[in-house]
Amino acid sequence: MTSTRPALAVALHVTTLVVLGGYFTFAAVQGNYGLFHRVQIEAENQDLRQRRDALRVELAQLENRTRRMSDDWLDLELLDQQARDVLGLMRADEIMIR
């Protein structure tokens, strides 16, 4: 009986180490802070950066149009375009084709 006890203890220790190693490996790959989650976060980060850049461009365009329509500086071409789009106006020398 004394020879089976050390072998059983070694087997129990090895089994415990294998289970713990497997658990930590699984957690490192698929856990909340694992590799797969990190890849997903990086992809989402890249998508959000692209959306941010697109919104910055759109904001710059809107600021430019707002500045051009302000009381301080009036862009006659933009005013003409807005009158045509919104009010449906046209000049007397133009021909409308439907």
Protein backbone atom coordinates (compact mmCIF):
# COMPACT_ATOMS: atom_id res chain seq x y z
CA MET A 1 0.00 0.00 0.00
CA THR A 2 2.84 2.38 0.57
CA SER A 3 4.01 2.11 -3.06
CA THR A 4 0.57 3.02 -4.50
CA ARG A 5 0.20 6.11 -2.37
CA PRO A 6 3.11 8.08 -3.89
CA ALA A 7 2.06 7.02 -7.41
CA LEU A 8 -1.51 8.14 -6.70
CA ALA A 9 -0.28 11.47 -5.33
CA VAL A 10 1.90 12.03 -8.40
CA ALA A 11 -1.00 11.17 -10.70
CA LEU A 12 -3.27 13.56 -8.77
CA HIS A 13 -0.68 16.36 -9.00
CA VAL A 14 -0.14 15.78 -12.72
CA THR A 15 -3.89 15.72 -13.37
CA THR A 16 -4.35 18.94 -11.38
CA LEU A 17 -1.55 20.64 -13.32
CA VAL A 18 -2.97 19.51 -16.67
CA VAL A 19 -6.47 20.74 -15.75
CA LEU A 20 -5.15 24.09 -14.52
CA GLY A 21 -2.95 24.45 -17.59
CA GLY A 22 -5.90 23.71 -19.84
CA TYR A 23 -8.11 26.19 -18.00
CA PHE A 24 -5.54 29.00 -18.21
CA THR A 25 -4.85 28.24 -21.88
CA PHE A 26 -8.57 28.38 -22.65
CA ALA A 27 -8.93 31.63 -20.70
CA ALA A 28 -5.94 33.15 -22.52
CA VAL A 29 -7.44 32.35 -25.91
CA GLN A 30 -11.21 32.72 -25.48
CA GLY A 31 -11.73 34.55 -22.19
CA ASN A 32 -12.85 38.16 -21.69
CA TYR A 33 -9.26 39.32 -22.04
CA GLY A 34 -8.19 36.59 -24.47
CA LEU A 35 -6.73 36.73 -27.94
CA PHE A 36 -10.04 36.34 -29.81
CA HIS A 37 -11.63 39.15 -27.82
CA ARG A 38 -8.62 41.37 -28.48
CA VAL A 39 -8.85 40.76 -32.24
CA GLN A 40 -12.55 41.64 -32.12
CA ILE A 41 -11.84 44.85 -30.19
CA GLU A 42 -9.10 45.84 -32.65
CA ALA A 43 -11.48 45.34 -35.61
CA GLU A 44 -14.16 47.40 -33.88
CA ASN A 45 -11.58 50.08 -33.09
CA GLN A 46 -10.55 50.27 -36.75
CA ASP A 47 -14.20 50.54 -37.83
CA LEU A 48 -14.85 53.33 -35.33
CA ARG A 49 -11.75 55.22 -36.49
CA GLN A 50 -12.98 55.07 -40.09
CA ARG A 51 -16.42 56.32 -39.05
CA ARG A 52 -14.78 59.12 -37.04
CA ASP A 53 -12.71 60.21 -40.04
CA ALA A 54 -15.78 60.19 -42.29
CA LEU A 55 -17.69 62.28 -39.76
CA ARG A 56 -14.81 64.75 -39.54
CA VAL A 57 -14.91 65.21 -43.32
CA GLU A 58 -18.68 65.67 -43.23
CA LEU A 59 -18.39 68.16 -40.38
CA ALA A 60 -15.78 70.17 -42.30
CA GLN A 61 -18.06 70.28 -45.34
CA LEU A 62 -21.02 71.42 -43.24
CA GLU A 63 -18.92 74.07 -41.50
CA ASN A 64 -17.77 75.32 -44.91
CA ARG A 65 -21.34 75.54 -46.21
CA THR A 66 -22.48 77.25 -43.02
CA ARG A 67 -19.68 79.79 -43.29
CA ARG A 68 -20.52 80.40 -46.94
CA MET A 69 -24.18 81.06 -46.05
CA SER A 70 -23.38 83.34 -43.10
CA ASP A 71 -24.17 87.06 -42.92
CA ASP A 72 -20.49 87.97 -42.95
CA TRP A 73 -19.71 86.28 -46.25
CA LEU A 74 -22.34 85.32 -48.81
CA ASP A 75 -21.49 82.94 -51.63
CA LEU A 76 -23.79 83.86 -54.51
CA GLU A 77 -23.29 80.55 -56.30
CA LEU A 78 -24.33 78.61 -53.20
CA LEU A 79 -27.32 80.91 -52.71
CA ASP A 80 -28.33 80.36 -56.35
CA GLN A 81 -28.01 76.59 -55.94
CA GLN A 82 -30.09 76.58 -52.75
CA ALA A 83 -32.79 78.73 -54.37
CA ARG A 84 -32.97 76.30 -57.29
CA ASP A 85 -33.09 73.20 -55.08
CA VAL A 86 -35.43 74.40 -52.36
CA LEU A 87 -37.71 76.85 -54.18
CA GLY A 88 -37.58 75.33 -57.64
CA LEU A 89 -36.48 78.61 -59.21
CA MET A 90 -34.74 79.03 -62.56
CA ARG A 91 -33.37 81.88 -64.60
CA ALA A 92 -35.30 83.39 -67.49
CA ASP A 93 -32.74 82.27 -70.07
CA GLU A 94 -32.86 78.59 -69.03
CA ILE A 95 -34.94 75.82 -70.57
CA MET A 96 -36.36 73.11 -68.30
CA ILE A 97 -36.31 69.54 -69.62
CA ARG A 98 -38.33 66.90 -67.79
